[in-house]
Amino acid sequence: MFILWLMSALLRAIDMVGTQAKMAEDLGVSPMAVSNWVKRGVPPRRAPQIEALVQGRVTCAELCPEVFARVLRPSIGQGIEGQGLDQNPAHATPAPSAEQRAA
């Protein structure tokens, strides 16, 4: 259901522009790129361009909510340790060193 919602945002934007080919032309990408977005999702770096193209009638948050939710509402998805949405250990707050714990 979530994927259908994501695709529907892009499909709405395509409908506003006219066709996938027209969107591709307006964004300076190949029609195949837009076709791939329909199948796989919009790359986050393209969402603001699409939003501007359709004059805000489809938003970045609708096109890529997993990315833009962090910008719009950073508290969403915070884990118990506060690691963030993706729970990537590389983005976690580092544990205090032995010297810091002793202080």
PDB file of N, CA and C in Angstrom:
ATOM      1  N   MET A   1       0.812  -1.186   0.000  1.00  0.00           N
ATOM      2  CA  MET A   1       0.000   0.000   0.000  1.00  0.00           C
ATOM      3  C   MET A   1       0.864   1.262   0.000  1.00  0.00           C
ATOM      4  N   PHE A   2       1.958   1.267   0.794  1.00  0.00           N
ATOM      5  CA  PHE A   2       2.835   2.419   0.878  1.00  0.00           C
ATOM      6  C   PHE A   2       3.455   2.719  -0.490  1.00  0.00           C
ATOM      7  N   ILE A   3       3.921   1.686  -1.195  1.00  0.00           N
ATOM      8  CA  ILE A   3       4.517   1.872  -2.521  1.00  0.00           C
ATOM      9  C   ILE A   3       3.488   2.445  -3.484  1.00  0.00           C
ATOM     10  N   LEU A   4       2.258   1.983  -3.425  1.00  0.00           N
ATOM     11  CA  LEU A   4       1.217   2.530  -4.300  1.00  0.00           C
ATOM     12  C   LEU A   4       1.005   4.010  -4.025  1.00  0.00           C
ATOM     13  N   TRP A   5       1.062   4.406  -2.758  1.00  0.00           N
ATOM     14  CA  TRP A   5       0.909   5.807  -2.406  1.00  0.00           C
ATOM     15  C   TRP A   5       2.064   6.630  -2.976  1.00  0.00           C
ATOM     16  N   LEU A   6       3.299   6.105  -2.868  1.00  0.00           N
ATOM     17  CA  LEU A   6       4.455   6.808  -3.417  1.00  0.00           C
ATOM     18  C   LEU A   6       4.317   6.970  -4.924  1.00  0.00           C
ATOM     19  N   MET A   7       3.961   5.889  -5.592  1.00  0.00           N
ATOM     20  CA  MET A   7       3.833   5.947  -7.037  1.00  0.00           C
ATOM     21  C   MET A   7       2.702   6.870  -7.435  1.00  0.00           C
ATOM     22  N   SER A   8       1.645   6.895  -6.661  1.00  0.00           N
ATOM     23  CA  SER A   8       0.543   7.756  -7.041  1.00  0.00           C
ATOM     24  C   SER A   8       0.949   9.221  -6.990  1.00  0.00           C
ATOM     25  N   ALA A   9       1.849   9.605  -6.092  1.00  0.00           N
ATOM     26  CA  ALA A   9       2.332  10.987  -6.056  1.00  0.00           C
ATOM     27  C   ALA A   9       3.084  11.305  -7.342  1.00  0.00           C
ATOM     28  N   LEU A  10       3.961  10.426  -7.761  1.00  0.00           N
ATOM     29  CA  LEU A  10       4.691  10.644  -9.007  1.00  0.00           C
ATOM     30  C   LEU A  10       3.748  10.606 -10.201  1.00  0.00           C
ATOM     31  N   LEU A  11       2.824   9.664 -10.208  1.00  0.00           N
ATOM     32  CA  LEU A  11       1.879   9.583 -11.328  1.00  0.00           C
ATOM     33  C   LEU A  11       1.004  10.827 -11.403  1.00  0.00           C
ATOM     34  N   ARG A  12       0.637  11.373 -10.245  1.00  0.00           N
ATOM     35  CA  ARG A  12      -0.123  12.634 -10.245  1.00  0.00           C
ATOM     36  C   ARG A  12       0.711  13.752 -10.852  1.00  0.00           C
ATOM     37  N   ALA A  13       1.988  13.799 -10.478  1.00  0.00           N
ATOM     38  CA  ALA A  13       2.876  14.833 -11.023  1.00  0.00           C
ATOM     39  C   ALA A  13       3.034  14.669 -12.532  1.00  0.00           C
ATOM     40  N   ILE A  14       3.197  13.437 -12.989  1.00  0.00           N
ATOM     41  CA  ILE A  14       3.313  13.179 -14.426  1.00  0.00           C
ATOM     42  C   ILE A  14       2.045  13.629 -15.135  1.00  0.00           C
ATOM     43  N   ASP A  15       0.909  13.320 -14.535  1.00  0.00           N
ATOM     44  CA  ASP A  15      -0.368  13.723 -15.129  1.00  0.00           C
ATOM     45  C   ASP A  15      -0.467  15.249 -15.232  1.00  0.00           C
ATOM     46  N   MET A  16       0.034  15.956 -14.237  1.00  0.00           N
ATOM     47  CA  MET A  16      -0.004  17.425 -14.250  1.00  0.00           C
ATOM     48  C   MET A  16       0.874  17.993 -15.365  1.00  0.00           C
ATOM     49  N   VAL A  17       1.994  17.329 -15.617  1.00  0.00           N
ATOM     50  CA  VAL A  17       2.923  17.785 -16.655  1.00  0.00           C
ATOM     51  C   VAL A  17       2.421  17.368 -18.036  1.00  0.00           C
ATOM     52  N   GLY A  18       1.801  16.205 -18.106  1.00  0.00           N
ATOM     53  CA  GLY A  18       1.267  15.705 -19.374  1.00  0.00           C
ATOM     54  C   GLY A  18       1.661  14.269 -19.637  1.00  0.00           C
ATOM     55  N   THR A  19       2.967  14.032 -19.781  1.00  0.00           N
ATOM     56  CA  THR A  19       3.454  12.675 -20.058  1.00  0.00           C
ATOM     57  C   THR A  19       4.796  12.461 -19.368  1.00  0.00           C
ATOM     58  N   GLN A  20       5.213  11.197 -19.294  1.00  0.00           N
ATOM     59  CA  GLN A  20       6.539  10.899 -18.759  1.00  0.00           C
ATOM     60  C   GLN A  20       7.615  11.549 -19.619  1.00  0.00           C
ATOM     61  N   ALA A  21       7.427  11.522 -20.921  1.00  0.00           N
ATOM     62  CA  ALA A  21       8.408  12.119 -21.841  1.00  0.00           C
ATOM     63  C   ALA A  21       8.532  13.624 -21.608  1.00  0.00           C
ATOM     64  N   LYS A  22       7.416  14.296 -21.384  1.00  0.00           N
ATOM     65  CA  LYS A  22       7.427  15.743 -21.134  1.00  0.00           C
ATOM     66  C   LYS A  22       8.117  16.039 -19.805  1.00  0.00           C
ATOM     67  N   MET A  23       7.836  15.237 -18.773  1.00  0.00           N
ATOM     68  CA  MET A  23       8.504  15.430 -17.494  1.00  0.00           C
ATOM     69  C   MET A  23      10.008  15.244 -17.661  1.00  0.00           C
ATOM     70  N   ALA A  24      10.399  14.210 -18.383  1.00  0.00           N
ATOM     71  CA  ALA A  24      11.824  13.954 -18.610  1.00  0.00           C
ATOM     72  C   ALA A  24      12.476  15.149 -19.308  1.00  0.00           C
ATOM     73  N   GLU A  25      11.835  15.656 -20.318  1.00  0.00           N
ATOM     74  CA  GLU A  25      12.361  16.810 -21.052  1.00  0.00           C
ATOM     75  C   GLU A  25      12.498  18.023 -20.135  1.00  0.00           C
ATOM     76  N   ASP A  26      11.469  18.298 -19.358  1.00  0.00           N
ATOM     77  CA  ASP A  26      11.481  19.456 -18.460  1.00  0.00           C
ATOM     78  C   ASP A  26      12.557  19.342 -17.376  1.00  0.00           C
ATOM     79  N   LEU A  27      12.857  18.112 -16.954  1.00  0.00           N
ATOM     80  CA  LEU A  27      13.857  17.899 -15.902  1.00  0.00           C
ATOM     81  C   LEU A  27      15.258  17.649 -16.460  1.00  0.00           C
ATOM     82  N   GLY A  28      15.361  17.505 -17.775  1.00  0.00           N
ATOM     83  CA  GLY A  28      16.665  17.262 -18.390  1.00  0.00           C
ATOM     84  C   GLY A  28      17.199  15.864 -18.156  1.00  0.00           C
ATOM     85  N   VAL A  29      16.285  14.891 -18.079  1.00  0.00           N
ATOM     86  CA  VAL A  29      16.674  13.488 -17.915  1.00  0.00           C
ATOM     87  C   VAL A  29      16.065  12.682 -19.052  1.00  0.00           C
ATOM     88  N   SER A  30      16.443  11.432 -19.157  1.00  0.00           N
ATOM     89  CA  SER A  30      15.889  10.581 -20.206  1.00  0.00           C
ATOM     90  C   SER A  30      14.489  10.100 -19.813  1.00  0.00           C
ATOM     91  N   PRO A  31      13.662   9.805 -20.805  1.00  0.00           N
ATOM     92  CA  PRO A  31      12.350   9.214 -20.492  1.00  0.00           C
ATOM     93  C   PRO A  31      12.491   7.907 -19.704  1.00  0.00           C
ATOM     94  N   MET A  32      13.575   7.164 -19.961  1.00  0.00           N
ATOM     95  CA  MET A  32      13.802   5.910 -19.226  1.00  0.00           C
ATOM     96  C   MET A  32      14.005   6.184 -17.735  1.00  0.00           C
ATOM     97  N   ALA A  33      14.649   7.301 -17.411  1.00  0.00           N
ATOM     98  CA  ALA A  33      14.845   7.641 -15.998  1.00  0.00           C
ATOM     99  C   ALA A  33      13.501   7.822 -15.303  1.00  0.00           C
ATOM    100  N   VAL A  34      12.596   8.564 -15.940  1.00  0.00           N
ATOM    101  CA  VAL A  34      11.275   8.776 -15.343  1.00  0.00           C
ATOM    102  C   VAL A  34      10.528   7.451 -15.230  1.00  0.00           C
ATOM    103  N   SER A  35      10.646   6.616 -16.250  1.00  0.00           N
ATOM    104  CA  SER A  35      10.022   5.296 -16.208  1.00  0.00           C
ATOM    105  C   SER A  35      10.557   4.479 -15.030  1.00  0.00           C
ATOM    106  N   ASN A  36      11.853   4.565 -14.801  1.00  0.00           N
ATOM    107  CA  ASN A  36      12.453   3.858 -13.661  1.00  0.00           C
ATOM    108  C   ASN A  36      11.940   4.404 -12.335  1.00  0.00           C
ATOM    109  N   TRP A  37      11.710   5.713 -12.255  1.00  0.00           N
ATOM    110  CA  TRP A  37      11.183   6.293 -11.018  1.00  0.00           C
ATOM    111  C   TRP A  37       9.799   5.746 -10.726  1.00  0.00           C
ATOM    112  N   VAL A  38       9.006   5.545 -11.771  1.00  0.00           N
ATOM    113  CA  VAL A  38       7.656   4.989 -11.581  1.00  0.00           C
ATOM    114  C   VAL A  38       7.763   3.597 -10.975  1.00  0.00           C
ATOM    115  N   LYS A  39       8.742   2.834 -11.420  1.00  0.00           N
ATOM    116  CA  LYS A  39       8.901   1.453 -10.938  1.00  0.00           C
ATOM    117  C   LYS A  39       9.593   1.376  -9.585  1.00  0.00           C
ATOM    118  N   ARG A  40      10.593   2.240  -9.361  1.00  0.00           N
ATOM    119  CA  ARG A  40      11.465   2.082  -8.192  1.00  0.00           C
ATOM    120  C   ARG A  40      11.384   3.202  -7.165  1.00  0.00           C
ATOM    121  N   GLY A  41      10.723   4.288  -7.516  1.00  0.00           N
ATOM    122  CA  GLY A  41      10.648   5.426  -6.608  1.00  0.00           C
ATOM    123  C   GLY A  41      11.515   6.586  -7.075  1.00  0.00           C
ATOM    124  N   VAL A  42      11.173   7.763  -6.629  1.00  0.00           N
ATOM    125  CA  VAL A  42      11.866   8.984  -7.030  1.00  0.00           C
ATOM    126  C   VAL A  42      13.150   9.139  -6.222  1.00  0.00           C
ATOM    127  N   PRO A  43      14.278   9.400  -6.883  1.00  0.00           N
ATOM    128  CA  PRO A  43      15.501   9.692  -6.122  1.00  0.00           C
ATOM    129  C   PRO A  43      15.304  10.981  -5.321  1.00  0.00           C
ATOM    130  N   PRO A  44      15.731  11.012  -4.072  1.00  0.00           N
ATOM    131  CA  PRO A  44      15.514  12.191  -3.232  1.00  0.00           C
ATOM    132  C   PRO A  44      16.011  13.491  -3.853  1.00  0.00           C
ATOM    133  N   ARG A  45      17.102  13.451  -4.590  1.00  0.00           N
ATOM    134  CA  ARG A  45      17.618  14.693  -5.179  1.00  0.00           C
ATOM    135  C   ARG A  45      16.723  15.230  -6.283  1.00  0.00           C
ATOM    136  N   ARG A  46      15.847  14.397  -6.839  1.00  0.00           N
ATOM    137  CA  ARG A  46      14.932  14.838  -7.899  1.00  0.00           C
ATOM    138  C   ARG A  46      13.598  15.356  -7.354  1.00  0.00           C
ATOM    139  N   ALA A  47      13.267  15.003  -6.122  1.00  0.00           N
ATOM    140  CA  ALA A  47      11.970  15.398  -5.560  1.00  0.00           C
ATOM    141  C   ALA A  47      11.755  16.916  -5.559  1.00  0.00           C
ATOM    142  N   PRO A  48      12.737  17.731  -5.125  1.00  0.00           N
ATOM    143  CA  PRO A  48      12.510  19.179  -5.168  1.00  0.00           C
ATOM    144  C   PRO A  48      12.299  19.712  -6.586  1.00  0.00           C
ATOM    145  N   GLN A  49      12.970  19.106  -7.567  1.00  0.00           N
ATOM    146  CA  GLN A  49      12.787  19.528  -8.957  1.00  0.00           C
ATOM    147  C   GLN A  49      11.376  19.219  -9.441  1.00  0.00           C
ATOM    148  N   ILE A  50      10.879  18.050  -9.069  1.00  0.00           N
ATOM    149  CA  ILE A  50       9.520  17.666  -9.470  1.00  0.00           C
ATOM    150  C   ILE A  50       8.507  18.573  -8.779  1.00  0.00           C
ATOM    151  N   GLU A  51       8.724  18.831  -7.479  1.00  0.00           N
ATOM    152  CA  GLU A  51       7.815  19.710  -6.745  1.00  0.00           C
ATOM    153  C   GLU A  51       7.759  21.083  -7.413  1.00  0.00           C
ATOM    154  N   ALA A  52       8.912  21.628  -7.806  1.00  0.00           N
ATOM    155  CA  ALA A  52       8.952  22.936  -8.474  1.00  0.00           C
ATOM    156  C   ALA A  52       8.262  22.871  -9.840  1.00  0.00           C
ATOM    157  N   LEU A  53       8.482  21.779 -10.552  1.00  0.00           N
ATOM    158  CA  LEU A  53       7.886  21.619 -11.876  1.00  0.00           C
ATOM    159  C   LEU A  53       6.365  21.666 -11.823  1.00  0.00           C
ATOM    160  N   VAL A  54       5.786  21.077 -10.788  1.00  0.00           N
ATOM    161  CA  VAL A  54       4.318  21.058 -10.668  1.00  0.00           C
ATOM    162  C   VAL A  54       3.816  22.142  -9.709  1.00  0.00           C
ATOM    163  N   GLN A  55       4.679  23.110  -9.435  1.00  0.00           N
ATOM    164  CA  GLN A  55       4.325  24.280  -8.624  1.00  0.00           C
ATOM    165  C   GLN A  55       3.774  23.905  -7.249  1.00  0.00           C
ATOM    166  N   GLY A  56       4.370  22.892  -6.634  1.00  0.00           N
ATOM    167  CA  GLY A  56       4.010  22.508  -5.272  1.00  0.00           C
ATOM    168  C   GLY A  56       2.750  21.686  -5.127  1.00  0.00           C
ATOM    169  N   ARG A  57       2.126  21.337  -6.237  1.00  0.00           N
ATOM    170  CA  ARG A  57       0.887  20.546  -6.136  1.00  0.00           C
ATOM    171  C   ARG A  57       1.159  19.108  -5.724  1.00  0.00           C
ATOM    172  N   VAL A  58       2.396  18.650  -5.889  1.00  0.00           N
ATOM    173  CA  VAL A  58       2.887  17.388  -5.324  1.00  0.00           C
ATOM    174  C   VAL A  58       4.172  17.777  -4.605  1.00  0.00           C
ATOM    175  N   THR A  59       4.288  17.391  -3.341  1.00  0.00           N
ATOM    176  CA  THR A  59       5.418  17.842  -2.532  1.00  0.00           C
ATOM    177  C   THR A  59       6.519  16.796  -2.427  1.00  0.00           C
ATOM    178  N   CYS A  60       7.691  17.272  -2.013  1.00  0.00           N
ATOM    179  CA  CYS A  60       8.813  16.370  -1.762  1.00  0.00           C
ATOM    180  C   CYS A  60       8.421  15.298  -0.738  1.00  0.00           C
ATOM    181  N   ALA A  61       7.682  15.717   0.272  1.00  0.00           N
ATOM    182  CA  ALA A  61       7.265  14.777   1.316  1.00  0.00           C
ATOM    183  C   ALA A  61       6.370  13.680   0.763  1.00  0.00           C
ATOM    184  N   GLU A  62       5.583  13.991  -0.263  1.00  0.00           N
ATOM    185  CA  GLU A  62       4.748  12.965  -0.892  1.00  0.00           C
ATOM    186  C   GLU A  62       5.582  12.062  -1.794  1.00  0.00           C
ATOM    187  N   LEU A  63       6.573  12.626  -2.445  1.00  0.00           N
ATOM    188  CA  LEU A  63       7.395  11.859  -3.382  1.00  0.00           C
ATOM    189  C   LEU A  63       8.412  10.979  -2.668  1.00  0.00           C
ATOM    190  N   CYS A  64       8.990  11.457  -1.584  1.00  0.00           N
ATOM    191  CA  CYS A  64      10.031  10.722  -0.832  1.00  0.00           C
ATOM    192  C   CYS A  64       9.830  10.896   0.673  1.00  0.00           C
ATOM    193  N   PRO A  65       8.753  10.386   1.221  1.00  0.00           N
ATOM    194  CA  PRO A  65       8.490  10.634   2.646  1.00  0.00           C
ATOM    195  C   PRO A  65       9.552  10.062   3.570  1.00  0.00           C
ATOM    196  N   GLU A  66      10.205   8.973   3.179  1.00  0.00           N
ATOM    197  CA  GLU A  66      11.219   8.376   4.046  1.00  0.00           C
ATOM    198  C   GLU A  66      12.410   9.301   4.231  1.00  0.00           C
ATOM    199  N   VAL A  67      12.646  10.194   3.293  1.00  0.00           N
ATOM    200  CA  VAL A  67      13.748  11.154   3.386  1.00  0.00           C
ATOM    201  C   VAL A  67      13.274  12.471   3.978  1.00  0.00           C
ATOM    202  N   PHE A  68      12.206  13.011   3.420  1.00  0.00           N
ATOM    203  CA  PHE A  68      11.788  14.342   3.792  1.00  0.00           C
ATOM    204  C   PHE A  68      11.049  14.382   5.123  1.00  0.00           C
ATOM    205  N   ALA A  69      10.635  13.255   5.667  1.00  0.00           N
ATOM    206  CA  ALA A  69      10.042  13.233   7.007  1.00  0.00           C
ATOM    207  C   ALA A  69      11.079  13.678   8.032  1.00  0.00           C
ATOM    208  N   ARG A  70      12.344  13.353   7.797  1.00  0.00           N
ATOM    209  CA  ARG A  70      13.407  13.764   8.717  1.00  0.00           C
ATOM    210  C   ARG A  70      13.574  15.274   8.722  1.00  0.00           C
ATOM    211  N   VAL A  71      13.404  15.892   7.568  1.00  0.00           N
ATOM    212  CA  VAL A  71      13.563  17.333   7.462  1.00  0.00           C
ATOM    213  C   VAL A  71      12.361  18.044   8.074  1.00  0.00           C
ATOM    214  N   LEU A  72      11.163  17.550   7.754  1.00  0.00           N
ATOM    215  CA  LEU A  72       9.949  18.210   8.198  1.00  0.00           C
ATOM    216  C   LEU A  72       9.619  17.928   9.653  1.00  0.00           C
ATOM    217  N   ARG A  73       9.875  16.693  10.103  1.00  0.00           N
ATOM    218  CA  ARG A  73       9.540  16.296  11.468  1.00  0.00           C
ATOM    219  C   ARG A  73      10.639  15.386  11.982  1.00  0.00           C
ATOM    220  N   PRO A  74      11.783  15.946  12.394  1.00  0.00           N
ATOM    221  CA  PRO A  74      12.931  15.117  12.759  1.00  0.00           C
ATOM    222  C   PRO A  74      12.690  14.156  13.915  1.00  0.00           C
ATOM    223  N   SER A  75      11.685  14.384  14.743  1.00  0.00           N
ATOM    224  CA  SER A  75      11.444  13.474  15.863  1.00  0.00           C
ATOM    225  C   SER A  75      10.786  12.174  15.423  1.00  0.00           C
ATOM    226  N   ILE A  76      10.219  12.155  14.208  1.00  0.00           N
ATOM    227  CA  ILE A  76       9.571  10.933  13.720  1.00  0.00           C
ATOM    228  C   ILE A  76      10.627   9.863  13.514  1.00  0.00           C
ATOM    229  N   GLY A  77      10.349   8.691  14.025  1.00  0.00           N
ATOM    230  CA  GLY A  77      11.226   7.557  13.776  1.00  0.00           C
ATOM    231  C   GLY A  77      12.426   7.469  14.692  1.00  0.00           C
ATOM    232  N   GLN A  78      12.514   8.311  15.699  1.00  0.00           N
ATOM    233  CA  GLN A  78      13.649   8.223  16.605  1.00  0.00           C
ATOM    234  C   GLN A  78      13.569   6.913  17.380  1.00  0.00           C
ATOM    235  N   GLY A  79      14.646   6.171  17.365  1.00  0.00           N
ATOM    236  CA  GLY A  79      14.717   4.913  18.094  1.00  0.00           C
ATOM    237  C   GLY A  79      14.888   5.159  19.580  1.00  0.00           C
ATOM    238  N   ILE A  80      14.896   4.096  20.346  1.00  0.00           N
ATOM    239  CA  ILE A  80      15.050   4.214  21.792  1.00  0.00           C
ATOM    240  C   ILE A  80      16.349   4.919  22.130  1.00  0.00           C
ATOM    241  N   GLU A  81      17.411   4.600  21.380  1.00  0.00           N
ATOM    242  CA  GLU A  81      18.690   5.257  21.607  1.00  0.00           C
ATOM    243  C   GLU A  81      18.802   6.556  20.818  1.00  0.00           C
ATOM    244  N   GLY A  82      17.758   6.945  20.077  1.00  0.00           N
ATOM    245  CA  GLY A  82      17.804   8.177  19.316  1.00  0.00           C
ATOM    246  C   GLY A  82      18.677   8.106  18.084  1.00  0.00           C
ATOM    247  N   GLN A  83      18.795   6.918  17.472  1.00  0.00           N
ATOM    248  CA  GLN A  83      19.666   6.765  16.319  1.00  0.00           C
ATOM    249  C   GLN A  83      19.059   7.333  15.049  1.00  0.00           C
ATOM    250  N   GLY A  84      17.774   7.534  14.985  1.00  0.00           N
ATOM    251  CA  GLY A  84      17.178   8.101  13.788  1.00  0.00           C
ATOM    252  C   GLY A  84      16.399   7.093  12.991  1.00  0.00           C
ATOM    253  N   LEU A  85      15.899   7.535  11.842  1.00  0.00           N
ATOM    254  CA  LEU A  85      15.006   6.712  11.037  1.00  0.00           C
ATOM    255  C   LEU A  85      15.652   5.461  10.490  1.00  0.00           C
ATOM    256  N   ASP A  86      16.893   5.581   9.994  1.00  0.00           N
ATOM    257  CA  ASP A  86      17.461   4.430   9.300  1.00  0.00           C
ATOM    258  C   ASP A  86      18.160   3.454  10.232  1.00  0.00           C
ATOM    259  N   GLN A  87      18.305   3.812  11.482  1.00  0.00           N
ATOM    260  CA  GLN A  87      18.954   2.947  12.465  1.00  0.00           C
ATOM    261  C   GLN A  87      20.339   2.507  11.999  1.00  0.00           C
ATOM    262  N   ASN A  88      21.004   3.338  11.221  1.00  0.00           N
ATOM    263  CA  ASN A  88      22.336   3.040  10.704  1.00  0.00           C
ATOM    264  C   ASN A  88      23.351   3.326  11.803  1.00  0.00           C
ATOM    265  N   PRO A  89      24.140   2.330  12.211  1.00  0.00           N
ATOM    266  CA  PRO A  89      25.111   2.554  13.281  1.00  0.00           C
ATOM    267  C   PRO A  89      26.103   3.663  12.950  1.00  0.00           C
ATOM    268  N   ALA A  90      26.354   3.908  11.690  1.00  0.00           N
ATOM    269  CA  ALA A  90      27.286   4.970  11.309  1.00  0.00           C
ATOM    270  C   ALA A  90      26.749   6.345  11.676  1.00  0.00           C
ATOM    271  N   HIS A  91      25.421   6.452  11.824  1.00  0.00           N
ATOM    272  CA  HIS A  91      24.808   7.732  12.157  1.00  0.00           C
ATOM    273  C   HIS A  91      24.472   7.847  13.638  1.00  0.00           C
ATOM    274  N   ALA A  92      24.766   6.832  14.400  1.00  0.00           N
ATOM    275  CA  ALA A  92      24.427   6.832  15.820  1.00  0.00           C
ATOM    276  C   ALA A  92      25.372   7.751  16.593  1.00  0.00           C
ATOM    277  N   THR A  93      24.913   8.232  17.720  1.00  0.00           N
ATOM    278  CA  THR A  93      25.764   9.019  18.596  1.00  0.00           C
ATOM    279  C   THR A  93      26.825   8.095  19.166  1.00  0.00           C
ATOM    280  N   PRO A  94      28.116   8.486  19.063  1.00  0.00           N
ATOM    281  CA  PRO A  94      29.167   7.591  19.550  1.00  0.00           C
ATOM    282  C   PRO A  94      29.078   7.413  21.069  1.00  0.00           C
ATOM    283  N   ALA A  95      29.455   6.238  21.517  1.00  0.00           N
ATOM    284  CA  ALA A  95      29.475   5.959  22.951  1.00  0.00           C
ATOM    285  C   ALA A  95      30.594   6.759  23.583  1.00  0.00           C
ATOM    286  N   PRO A  96      30.405   7.193  24.825  1.00  0.00           N
ATOM    287  CA  PRO A  96      31.482   7.962  25.483  1.00  0.00           C
ATOM    288  C   PRO A  96      32.720   7.091  25.692  1.00  0.00           C
ATOM    289  N   SER A  97      33.883   7.744  25.597  1.00  0.00           N
ATOM    290  CA  SER A  97      35.127   7.022  25.807  1.00  0.00           C
ATOM    291  C   SER A  97      35.286   6.712  27.302  1.00  0.00           C
ATOM    292  N   ALA A  98      36.270   5.877  27.621  1.00  0.00           N
ATOM    293  CA  ALA A  98      36.539   5.529  29.005  1.00  0.00           C
ATOM    294  C   ALA A  98      36.875   6.780  29.814  1.00  0.00           C
ATOM    295  N   GLU A  99      37.623   7.709  29.213  1.00  0.00           N
ATOM    296  CA  GLU A  99      37.989   8.945  29.899  1.00  0.00           C
ATOM    297  C   GLU A  99      36.732   9.793  30.182  1.00  0.00           C
ATOM    298  N   GLN A 100      35.831   9.844  29.224  1.00  0.00           N
ATOM    299  CA  GLN A 100      34.621  10.628  29.403  1.00  0.00           C
ATOM    300  C   GLN A 100      33.722  10.007  30.478  1.00  0.00           C
ATOM    301  N   ARG A 101      33.664   8.660  30.504  1.00  0.00           N
ATOM    302  CA  ARG A 101      32.851   8.001  31.527  1.00  0.00           C
ATOM    303  C   ARG A 101      33.450   8.204  32.910  1.00  0.00           C
ATOM    304  N   ALA A 102      34.762   8.255  33.021  1.00  0.00           N
ATOM    305  CA  ALA A 102      35.435   8.414  34.320  1.00  0.00           C
ATOM    306  C   ALA A 102      35.271   9.833  34.851  1.00  0.00           C
ATOM    307  N   ALA A 103      35.058  10.769  33.966  1.00  0.00           N
ATOM    308  CA  ALA A 103      34.988  12.181  34.410  1.00  0.00           C
ATOM    309  C   ALA A 103      33.725  12.524  35.120  1.00  0.00           C
TER     310      ALA A 103
END
